[in-house]
Amino acid sequence: MKISAEAITVRNGEQVIAEVTKAVAGGDRVLDFSNVQHIDSTALAVVLAAQRVAARHASQTDKTLQLQHTPTQLQSLVAAYGVQSLFL
């Protein structure tokens, strides 16, 4: 799913989480961040929520969640929070 929000922050986090988890529950396993220009730590919550939903709805063929056009800021947050192992 291509995330439509240009920013993922505490202000719209619940809305983005709802959109992403609905798409993942429906079988979409790609999160495309190409529209996203600004994030805060809420973006990490979005990805973690998507991973939880993907794990719950996993079949043998669609277990992996893929991130595309990941913002540099998100990569920095992953490193800062020490959760790199969740994204391998």
PDB file of N, CA and C in Angstrom:
ATOM      1  N   MET A   1       0.835  -1.164   0.000  1.00  0.00           N
ATOM      2  CA  MET A   1       0.000   0.000   0.000  1.00  0.00           C
ATOM      3  C   MET A   1       0.880   1.225   0.000  1.00  0.00           C
ATOM      4  N   LYS A   2       0.523   2.177  -0.792  1.00  0.00           N
ATOM      5  CA  LYS A   2       1.223   3.451  -0.813  1.00  0.00           C
ATOM      6  C   LYS A   2       0.600   4.338   0.261  1.00  0.00           C
ATOM      7  N   ILE A   3       1.392   4.711   1.236  1.00  0.00           N
ATOM      8  CA  ILE A   3       0.894   5.555   2.314  1.00  0.00           C
ATOM      9  C   ILE A   3       0.591   6.921   1.727  1.00  0.00           C
ATOM     10  N   SER A   4      -0.632   7.384   1.901  1.00  0.00           N
ATOM     11  CA  SER A   4      -1.056   8.625   1.259  1.00  0.00           C
ATOM     12  C   SER A   4      -0.633   9.872   2.018  1.00  0.00           C
ATOM     13  N   ALA A   5      -0.393   9.747   3.304  1.00  0.00           N
ATOM     14  CA  ALA A   5      -0.036  10.908   4.121  1.00  0.00           C
ATOM     15  C   ALA A   5       1.355  11.425   3.750  1.00  0.00           C
ATOM     16  N   GLU A   6       1.491  12.737   3.707  1.00  0.00           N
ATOM     17  CA  GLU A   6       2.799  13.337   3.461  1.00  0.00           C
ATOM     18  C   GLU A   6       3.629  13.398   4.732  1.00  0.00           C
ATOM     19  N   ALA A   7       2.962  13.303   5.875  1.00  0.00           N
ATOM     20  CA  ALA A   7       3.644  13.291   7.165  1.00  0.00           C
ATOM     21  C   ALA A   7       3.011  12.213   8.030  1.00  0.00           C
ATOM     22  N   ILE A   8       3.834  11.571   8.835  1.00  0.00           N
ATOM     23  CA  ILE A   8       3.336  10.623   9.835  1.00  0.00           C
ATOM     24  C   ILE A   8       3.837  11.146  11.170  1.00  0.00           C
ATOM     25  N   THR A   9       2.909  11.712  11.930  1.00  0.00           N
ATOM     26  CA  THR A   9       3.246  12.286  13.231  1.00  0.00           C
ATOM     27  C   THR A   9       2.172  11.904  14.238  1.00  0.00           C
ATOM     28  N   VAL A  10       2.364  12.357  15.442  1.00  0.00           N
ATOM     29  CA  VAL A  10       1.395  12.077  16.492  1.00  0.00           C
ATOM     30  C   VAL A  10       0.007  12.635  16.129  1.00  0.00           C
ATOM     31  N   ARG A  11      -0.029  13.650  15.310  1.00  0.00           N
ATOM     32  CA  ARG A  11      -1.309  14.270  14.923  1.00  0.00           C
ATOM     33  C   ARG A  11      -2.176  13.371  14.050  1.00  0.00           C
ATOM     34  N   ASN A  12      -1.557  12.566  13.198  1.00  0.00           N
ATOM     35  CA  ASN A  12      -2.346  11.709  12.305  1.00  0.00           C
ATOM     36  C   ASN A  12      -2.012  10.229  12.463  1.00  0.00           C
ATOM     37  N   GLY A  13      -1.261   9.892  13.478  1.00  0.00           N
ATOM     38  CA  GLY A  13      -0.795   8.517  13.653  1.00  0.00           C
ATOM     39  C   GLY A  13      -1.898   7.485  13.717  1.00  0.00           C
ATOM     40  N   GLU A  14      -2.944   7.760  14.467  1.00  0.00           N
ATOM     41  CA  GLU A  14      -4.032   6.785  14.588  1.00  0.00           C
ATOM     42  C   GLU A  14      -4.691   6.527  13.241  1.00  0.00           C
ATOM     43  N   GLN A  15      -4.862   7.578  12.453  1.00  0.00           N
ATOM     44  CA  GLN A  15      -5.470   7.432  11.131  1.00  0.00           C
ATOM     45  C   GLN A  15      -4.570   6.597  10.216  1.00  0.00           C
ATOM     46  N   VAL A  16      -3.272   6.878  10.219  1.00  0.00           N
ATOM     47  CA  VAL A  16      -2.341   6.131   9.365  1.00  0.00           C
ATOM     48  C   VAL A  16      -2.285   4.670   9.813  1.00  0.00           C
ATOM     49  N   ILE A  17      -2.224   4.435  11.117  1.00  0.00           N
ATOM     50  CA  ILE A  17      -2.214   3.059  11.622  1.00  0.00           C
ATOM     51  C   ILE A  17      -3.471   2.329  11.167  1.00  0.00           C
ATOM     52  N   ALA A  18      -4.618   2.967  11.256  1.00  0.00           N
ATOM     53  CA  ALA A  18      -5.870   2.321  10.832  1.00  0.00           C
ATOM     54  C   ALA A  18      -5.832   1.959   9.349  1.00  0.00           C
ATOM     55  N   GLU A  19      -5.358   2.874   8.504  1.00  0.00           N
ATOM     56  CA  GLU A  19      -5.280   2.607   7.063  1.00  0.00           C
ATOM     57  C   GLU A  19      -4.306   1.475   6.753  1.00  0.00           C
ATOM     58  N   VAL A  20      -3.143   1.531   7.380  1.00  0.00           N
ATOM     59  CA  VAL A  20      -2.103   0.533   7.111  1.00  0.00           C
ATOM     60  C   VAL A  20      -2.533  -0.844   7.613  1.00  0.00           C
ATOM     61  N   THR A  21      -3.049  -0.915   8.826  1.00  0.00           N
ATOM     62  CA  THR A  21      -3.431  -2.229   9.358  1.00  0.00           C
ATOM     63  C   THR A  21      -4.588  -2.838   8.575  1.00  0.00           C
ATOM     64  N   LYS A  22      -5.490  -2.003   8.075  1.00  0.00           N
ATOM     65  CA  LYS A  22      -6.581  -2.522   7.235  1.00  0.00           C
ATOM     66  C   LYS A  22      -6.017  -3.128   5.953  1.00  0.00           C
ATOM     67  N   ALA A  23      -5.076  -2.429   5.334  1.00  0.00           N
ATOM     68  CA  ALA A  23      -4.470  -2.933   4.099  1.00  0.00           C
ATOM     69  C   ALA A  23      -3.696  -4.222   4.348  1.00  0.00           C
ATOM     70  N   VAL A  24      -2.936  -4.266   5.433  1.00  0.00           N
ATOM     71  CA  VAL A  24      -2.144  -5.462   5.746  1.00  0.00           C
ATOM     72  C   VAL A  24      -3.062  -6.635   6.078  1.00  0.00           C
ATOM     73  N   ALA A  25      -4.117  -6.380   6.834  1.00  0.00           N
ATOM     74  CA  ALA A  25      -5.073  -7.449   7.146  1.00  0.00           C
ATOM     75  C   ALA A  25      -5.725  -7.990   5.878  1.00  0.00           C
ATOM     76  N   GLY A  26      -5.845  -7.134   4.872  1.00  0.00           N
ATOM     77  CA  GLY A  26      -6.416  -7.546   3.587  1.00  0.00           C
ATOM     78  C   GLY A  26      -5.432  -8.245   2.665  1.00  0.00           C
ATOM     79  N   GLY A  27      -4.184  -8.380   3.112  1.00  0.00           N
ATOM     80  CA  GLY A  27      -3.207  -9.130   2.330  1.00  0.00           C
ATOM     81  C   GLY A  27      -2.078  -8.315   1.736  1.00  0.00           C
ATOM     82  N   ASP A  28      -2.131  -6.995   1.832  1.00  0.00           N
ATOM     83  CA  ASP A  28      -1.060  -6.155   1.300  1.00  0.00           C
ATOM     84  C   ASP A  28       0.145  -6.249   2.228  1.00  0.00           C
ATOM     85  N   ARG A  29       1.286  -6.604   1.702  1.00  0.00           N
ATOM     86  CA  ARG A  29       2.488  -6.782   2.522  1.00  0.00           C
ATOM     87  C   ARG A  29       3.598  -5.782   2.167  1.00  0.00           C
ATOM     88  N   VAL A  30       3.246  -4.719   1.444  1.00  0.00           N
ATOM     89  CA  VAL A  30       4.225  -3.706   1.059  1.00  0.00           C
ATOM     90  C   VAL A  30       3.759  -2.350   1.592  1.00  0.00           C
ATOM     91  N   LEU A  31       4.632  -1.686   2.342  1.00  0.00           N
ATOM     92  CA  LEU A  31       4.373  -0.317   2.780  1.00  0.00           C
ATOM     93  C   LEU A  31       5.289   0.592   1.980  1.00  0.00           C
ATOM     94  N   ASP A  32       4.703   1.417   1.151  1.00  0.00           N
ATOM     95  CA  ASP A  32       5.439   2.330   0.277  1.00  0.00           C
ATOM     96  C   ASP A  32       5.377   3.736   0.880  1.00  0.00           C
ATOM     97  N   PHE A  33       6.527   4.229   1.296  1.00  0.00           N
ATOM     98  CA  PHE A  33       6.634   5.533   1.948  1.00  0.00           C
ATOM     99  C   PHE A  33       6.990   6.649   0.967  1.00  0.00           C
ATOM    100  N   SER A  34       6.836   6.455  -0.337  1.00  0.00           N
ATOM    101  CA  SER A  34       7.307   7.443  -1.307  1.00  0.00           C
ATOM    102  C   SER A  34       6.609   8.800  -1.192  1.00  0.00           C
ATOM    103  N   ASN A  35       5.392   8.860  -0.682  1.00  0.00           N
ATOM    104  CA  ASN A  35       4.699  10.136  -0.488  1.00  0.00           C
ATOM    105  C   ASN A  35       5.113  10.849   0.795  1.00  0.00           C
ATOM    106  N   VAL A  36       5.699  10.127   1.717  1.00  0.00           N
ATOM    107  CA  VAL A  36       5.958  10.649   3.062  1.00  0.00           C
ATOM    108  C   VAL A  36       7.185  11.556   3.050  1.00  0.00           C
ATOM    109  N   GLN A  37       6.975  12.790   3.508  1.00  0.00           N
ATOM    110  CA  GLN A  37       8.042  13.781   3.537  1.00  0.00           C
ATOM    111  C   GLN A  37       8.570  14.041   4.945  1.00  0.00           C
ATOM    112  N   HIS A  38       7.760  13.780   5.967  1.00  0.00           N
ATOM    113  CA  HIS A  38       8.152  14.070   7.349  1.00  0.00           C
ATOM    114  C   HIS A  38       7.572  13.001   8.272  1.00  0.00           C
ATOM    115  N   ILE A  39       8.380  12.588   9.240  1.00  0.00           N
ATOM    116  CA  ILE A  39       7.896  11.629  10.235  1.00  0.00           C
ATOM    117  C   ILE A  39       8.403  12.032  11.619  1.00  0.00           C
ATOM    118  N   ASP A  40       7.751  11.473  12.615  1.00  0.00           N
ATOM    119  CA  ASP A  40       8.304  11.455  13.958  1.00  0.00           C
ATOM    120  C   ASP A  40       8.252   9.993  14.410  1.00  0.00           C
ATOM    121  N   SER A  41       8.447   9.743  15.672  1.00  0.00           N
ATOM    122  CA  SER A  41       8.504   8.353  16.149  1.00  0.00           C
ATOM    123  C   SER A  41       7.201   7.600  15.920  1.00  0.00           C
ATOM    124  N   THR A  42       6.143   8.292  15.600  1.00  0.00           N
ATOM    125  CA  THR A  42       4.866   7.641  15.289  1.00  0.00           C
ATOM    126  C   THR A  42       5.006   6.704  14.092  1.00  0.00           C
ATOM    127  N   ALA A  43       5.877   7.026  13.164  1.00  0.00           N
ATOM    128  CA  ALA A  43       6.077   6.167  11.991  1.00  0.00           C
ATOM    129  C   ALA A  43       6.565   4.785  12.398  1.00  0.00           C
ATOM    130  N   LEU A  44       7.382   4.734  13.437  1.00  0.00           N
ATOM    131  CA  LEU A  44       7.838   3.440  13.937  1.00  0.00           C
ATOM    132  C   LEU A  44       6.655   2.659  14.495  1.00  0.00           C
ATOM    133  N   ALA A  45       5.747   3.334  15.182  1.00  0.00           N
ATOM    134  CA  ALA A  45       4.539   2.679  15.693  1.00  0.00           C
ATOM    135  C   ALA A  45       3.682   2.144  14.552  1.00  0.00           C
ATOM    136  N   VAL A  46       3.631   2.863  13.446  1.00  0.00           N
ATOM    137  CA  VAL A  46       2.872   2.422  12.272  1.00  0.00           C
ATOM    138  C   VAL A  46       3.442   1.111  11.744  1.00  0.00           C
ATOM    139  N   VAL A  47       4.755   1.057  11.594  1.00  0.00           N
ATOM    140  CA  VAL A  47       5.399  -0.141  11.054  1.00  0.00           C
ATOM    141  C   VAL A  47       5.225  -1.317  12.017  1.00  0.00           C
ATOM    142  N   LEU A  48       5.393  -1.078  13.300  1.00  0.00           N
ATOM    143  CA  LEU A  48       5.245  -2.162  14.277  1.00  0.00           C
ATOM    144  C   LEU A  48       3.807  -2.682  14.309  1.00  0.00           C
ATOM    145  N   ALA A  49       2.830  -1.790  14.198  1.00  0.00           N
ATOM    146  CA  ALA A  49       1.428  -2.224  14.142  1.00  0.00           C
ATOM    147  C   ALA A  49       1.184  -3.069  12.896  1.00  0.00           C
ATOM    148  N   ALA A  50       1.757  -2.646  11.781  1.00  0.00           N
ATOM    149  CA  ALA A  50       1.610  -3.408  10.535  1.00  0.00           C
ATOM    150  C   ALA A  50       2.238  -4.789  10.666  1.00  0.00           C
ATOM    151  N   GLN A  51       3.391  -4.862  11.320  1.00  0.00           N
ATOM    152  CA  GLN A  51       4.044  -6.169  11.513  1.00  0.00           C
ATOM    153  C   GLN A  51       3.191  -7.093  12.380  1.00  0.00           C
ATOM    154  N   ARG A  52       2.595  -6.540  13.432  1.00  0.00           N
ATOM    155  CA  ARG A  52       1.727  -7.368  14.295  1.00  0.00           C
ATOM    156  C   ARG A  52       0.546  -7.922  13.504  1.00  0.00           C
ATOM    157  N   VAL A  53      -0.083  -7.078  12.698  1.00  0.00           N
ATOM    158  CA  VAL A  53      -1.230  -7.523  11.896  1.00  0.00           C
ATOM    159  C   VAL A  53      -0.787  -8.544  10.859  1.00  0.00           C
ATOM    160  N   ALA A  54       0.354  -8.318  10.228  1.00  0.00           N
ATOM    161  CA  ALA A  54       0.864  -9.263   9.230  1.00  0.00           C
ATOM    162  C   ALA A  54       1.107 -10.628   9.864  1.00  0.00           C
ATOM    163  N   ALA A  55       1.662 -10.639  11.068  1.00  0.00           N
ATOM    164  CA  ALA A  55       1.927 -11.905  11.752  1.00  0.00           C
ATOM    165  C   ALA A  55       0.626 -12.630  12.089  1.00  0.00           C
ATOM    166  N   ARG A  56      -0.388 -11.883  12.487  1.00  0.00           N
ATOM    167  CA  ARG A  56      -1.680 -12.481  12.829  1.00  0.00           C
ATOM    168  C   ARG A  56      -2.389 -13.058  11.617  1.00  0.00           C
ATOM    169  N   HIS A  57      -2.212 -12.427  10.470  1.00  0.00           N
ATOM    170  CA  HIS A  57      -2.910 -12.847   9.261  1.00  0.00           C
ATOM    171  C   HIS A  57      -1.996 -13.571   8.275  1.00  0.00           C
ATOM    172  N   ALA A  58      -0.892 -14.061   8.764  1.00  0.00           N
ATOM    173  CA  ALA A  58       0.108 -14.671   7.880  1.00  0.00           C
ATOM    174  C   ALA A  58      -0.357 -16.017   7.356  1.00  0.00           C
ATOM    175  N   SER A  59      -0.067 -16.222   6.099  1.00  0.00           N
ATOM    176  CA  SER A  59      -0.208 -17.550   5.515  1.00  0.00           C
ATOM    177  C   SER A  59       1.218 -18.006   5.206  1.00  0.00           C
ATOM    178  N   GLN A  60       1.351 -19.125   4.628  1.00  0.00           N
ATOM    179  CA  GLN A  60       2.675 -19.641   4.318  1.00  0.00           C
ATOM    180  C   GLN A  60       3.407 -18.775   3.294  1.00  0.00           C
ATOM    181  N   THR A  61       2.682 -18.044   2.464  1.00  0.00           N
ATOM    182  CA  THR A  61       3.324 -17.313   1.376  1.00  0.00           C
ATOM    183  C   THR A  61       3.460 -15.813   1.594  1.00  0.00           C
ATOM    184  N   ASP A  62       2.785 -15.254   2.594  1.00  0.00           N
ATOM    185  CA  ASP A  62       2.802 -13.798   2.706  1.00  0.00           C
ATOM    186  C   ASP A  62       3.167 -13.295   4.106  1.00  0.00           C
ATOM    187  N   LYS A  63       4.165 -13.902   4.718  1.00  0.00           N
ATOM    188  CA  LYS A  63       4.547 -13.545   6.075  1.00  0.00           C
ATOM    189  C   LYS A  63       5.369 -12.265   6.158  1.00  0.00           C
ATOM    190  N   THR A  64       6.083 -11.924   5.124  1.00  0.00           N
ATOM    191  CA  THR A  64       7.050 -10.843   5.190  1.00  0.00           C
ATOM    192  C   THR A  64       6.427  -9.502   4.837  1.00  0.00           C
ATOM    193  N   LEU A  65       6.668  -8.522   5.701  1.00  0.00           N
ATOM    194  CA  LEU A  65       6.265  -7.157   5.436  1.00  0.00           C
ATOM    195  C   LEU A  65       7.438  -6.441   4.781  1.00  0.00           C
ATOM    196  N   GLN A  66       7.202  -5.815   3.645  1.00  0.00           N
ATOM    197  CA  GLN A  66       8.259  -5.112   2.926  1.00  0.00           C
ATOM    198  C   GLN A  66       8.052  -3.608   3.047  1.00  0.00           C
ATOM    199  N   LEU A  67       9.146  -2.894   3.278  1.00  0.00           N
ATOM    200  CA  LEU A  67       9.120  -1.441   3.334  1.00  0.00           C
ATOM    201  C   LEU A  67       9.808  -0.903   2.092  1.00  0.00           C
ATOM    202  N   GLN A  68       9.152   0.012   1.401  1.00  0.00           N
ATOM    203  CA  GLN A  68       9.737   0.621   0.208  1.00  0.00           C
ATOM    204  C   GLN A  68       9.849   2.126   0.400  1.00  0.00           C
ATOM    205  N   HIS A  69      10.908   2.703  -0.173  1.00  0.00           N
ATOM    206  CA  HIS A  69      11.151   4.144  -0.090  1.00  0.00           C
ATOM    207  C   HIS A  69      11.132   4.623   1.363  1.00  0.00           C
ATOM    208  N   THR A  70      11.793   3.859   2.204  1.00  0.00           N
ATOM    209  CA  THR A  70      11.821   4.148   3.634  1.00  0.00           C
ATOM    210  C   THR A  70      12.544   5.468   3.893  1.00  0.00           C
ATOM    211  N   PRO A  71      11.900   6.397   4.595  1.00  0.00           N
ATOM    212  CA  PRO A  71      12.559   7.667   4.904  1.00  0.00           C
ATOM    213  C   PRO A  71      13.817   7.465   5.753  1.00  0.00           C
ATOM    214  N   THR A  72      14.818   8.254   5.494  1.00  0.00           N
ATOM    215  CA  THR A  72      16.053   8.202   6.280  1.00  0.00           C
ATOM    216  C   THR A  72      15.755   8.400   7.762  1.00  0.00           C
ATOM    217  N   GLN A  73      14.784   9.253   8.051  1.00  0.00           N
ATOM    218  CA  GLN A  73      14.405   9.503   9.443  1.00  0.00           C
ATOM    219  C   GLN A  73      13.917   8.220  10.126  1.00  0.00           C
ATOM    220  N   LEU A  74      13.192   7.392   9.393  1.00  0.00           N
ATOM    221  CA  LEU A  74      12.703   6.142   9.969  1.00  0.00           C
ATOM    222  C   LEU A  74      13.861   5.194  10.229  1.00  0.00           C
ATOM    223  N   GLN A  75      14.799   5.135   9.302  1.00  0.00           N
ATOM    224  CA  GLN A  75      15.978   4.292   9.509  1.00  0.00           C
ATOM    225  C   GLN A  75      16.743   4.749  10.746  1.00  0.00           C
ATOM    226  N   SER A  76      16.831   6.051  10.953  1.00  0.00           N
ATOM    227  CA  SER A  76      17.509   6.588  12.134  1.00  0.00           C
ATOM    228  C   SER A  76      16.764   6.222  13.412  1.00  0.00           C
ATOM    229  N   LEU A  77      15.442   6.268  13.378  1.00  0.00           N
ATOM    230  CA  LEU A  77      14.653   5.898  14.556  1.00  0.00           C
ATOM    231  C   LEU A  77      14.825   4.417  14.898  1.00  0.00           C
ATOM    232  N   VAL A  78      14.846   3.575  13.879  1.00  0.00           N
ATOM    233  CA  VAL A  78      15.053   2.139  14.098  1.00  0.00           C
ATOM    234  C   VAL A  78      16.387   1.924  14.821  1.00  0.00           C
ATOM    235  N   ALA A  79      17.415   2.615  14.360  1.00  0.00           N
ATOM    236  CA  ALA A  79      18.731   2.493  14.994  1.00  0.00           C
ATOM    237  C   ALA A  79      18.721   3.073  16.409  1.00  0.00           C
ATOM    238  N   ALA A  80      18.092   4.232  16.577  1.00  0.00           N
ATOM    239  CA  ALA A  80      18.074   4.893  17.889  1.00  0.00           C
ATOM    240  C   ALA A  80      17.348   4.061  18.939  1.00  0.00           C
ATOM    241  N   TYR A  81      16.271   3.397  18.531  1.00  0.00           N
ATOM    242  CA  TYR A  81      15.508   2.566  19.464  1.00  0.00           C
ATOM    243  C   TYR A  81      16.069   1.148  19.579  1.00  0.00           C
ATOM    244  N   GLY A  82      17.070   0.836  18.771  1.00  0.00           N
ATOM    245  CA  GLY A  82      17.714  -0.471  18.852  1.00  0.00           C
ATOM    246  C   GLY A  82      16.829  -1.626  18.427  1.00  0.00           C
ATOM    247  N   VAL A  83      15.974  -1.401  17.445  1.00  0.00           N
ATOM    248  CA  VAL A  83      15.050  -2.458  17.019  1.00  0.00           C
ATOM    249  C   VAL A  83      15.372  -2.974  15.617  1.00  0.00           C
ATOM    250  N   GLN A  84      16.637  -2.877  15.234  1.00  0.00           N
ATOM    251  CA  GLN A  84      17.036  -3.325  13.895  1.00  0.00           C
ATOM    252  C   GLN A  84      16.665  -4.788  13.652  1.00  0.00           C
ATOM    253  N   SER A  85      16.764  -5.614  14.679  1.00  0.00           N
ATOM    254  CA  SER A  85      16.494  -7.047  14.508  1.00  0.00           C
ATOM    255  C   SER A  85      15.053  -7.314  14.097  1.00  0.00           C
ATOM    256  N   LEU A  86      14.148  -6.391  14.363  1.00  0.00           N
ATOM    257  CA  LEU A  86      12.760  -6.568  13.975  1.00  0.00           C
ATOM    258  C   LEU A  86      12.552  -6.371  12.473  1.00  0.00           C
ATOM    259  N   PHE A  87      13.544  -5.787  11.819  1.00  0.00           N
ATOM    260  CA  PHE A  87      13.411  -5.446  10.416  1.00  0.00           C
ATOM    261  C   PHE A  87      14.339  -6.245   9.519  1.00  0.00           C
ATOM    262  N   LEU A  88      14.905  -7.329  10.000  1.00  0.00           N
ATOM    263  CA  LEU A  88      15.785  -8.178   9.200  1.00  0.00           C
ATOM    264  C   LEU A  88      15.000  -9.276   8.532  1.00  0.00           C
TER     265      LEU A  88
END
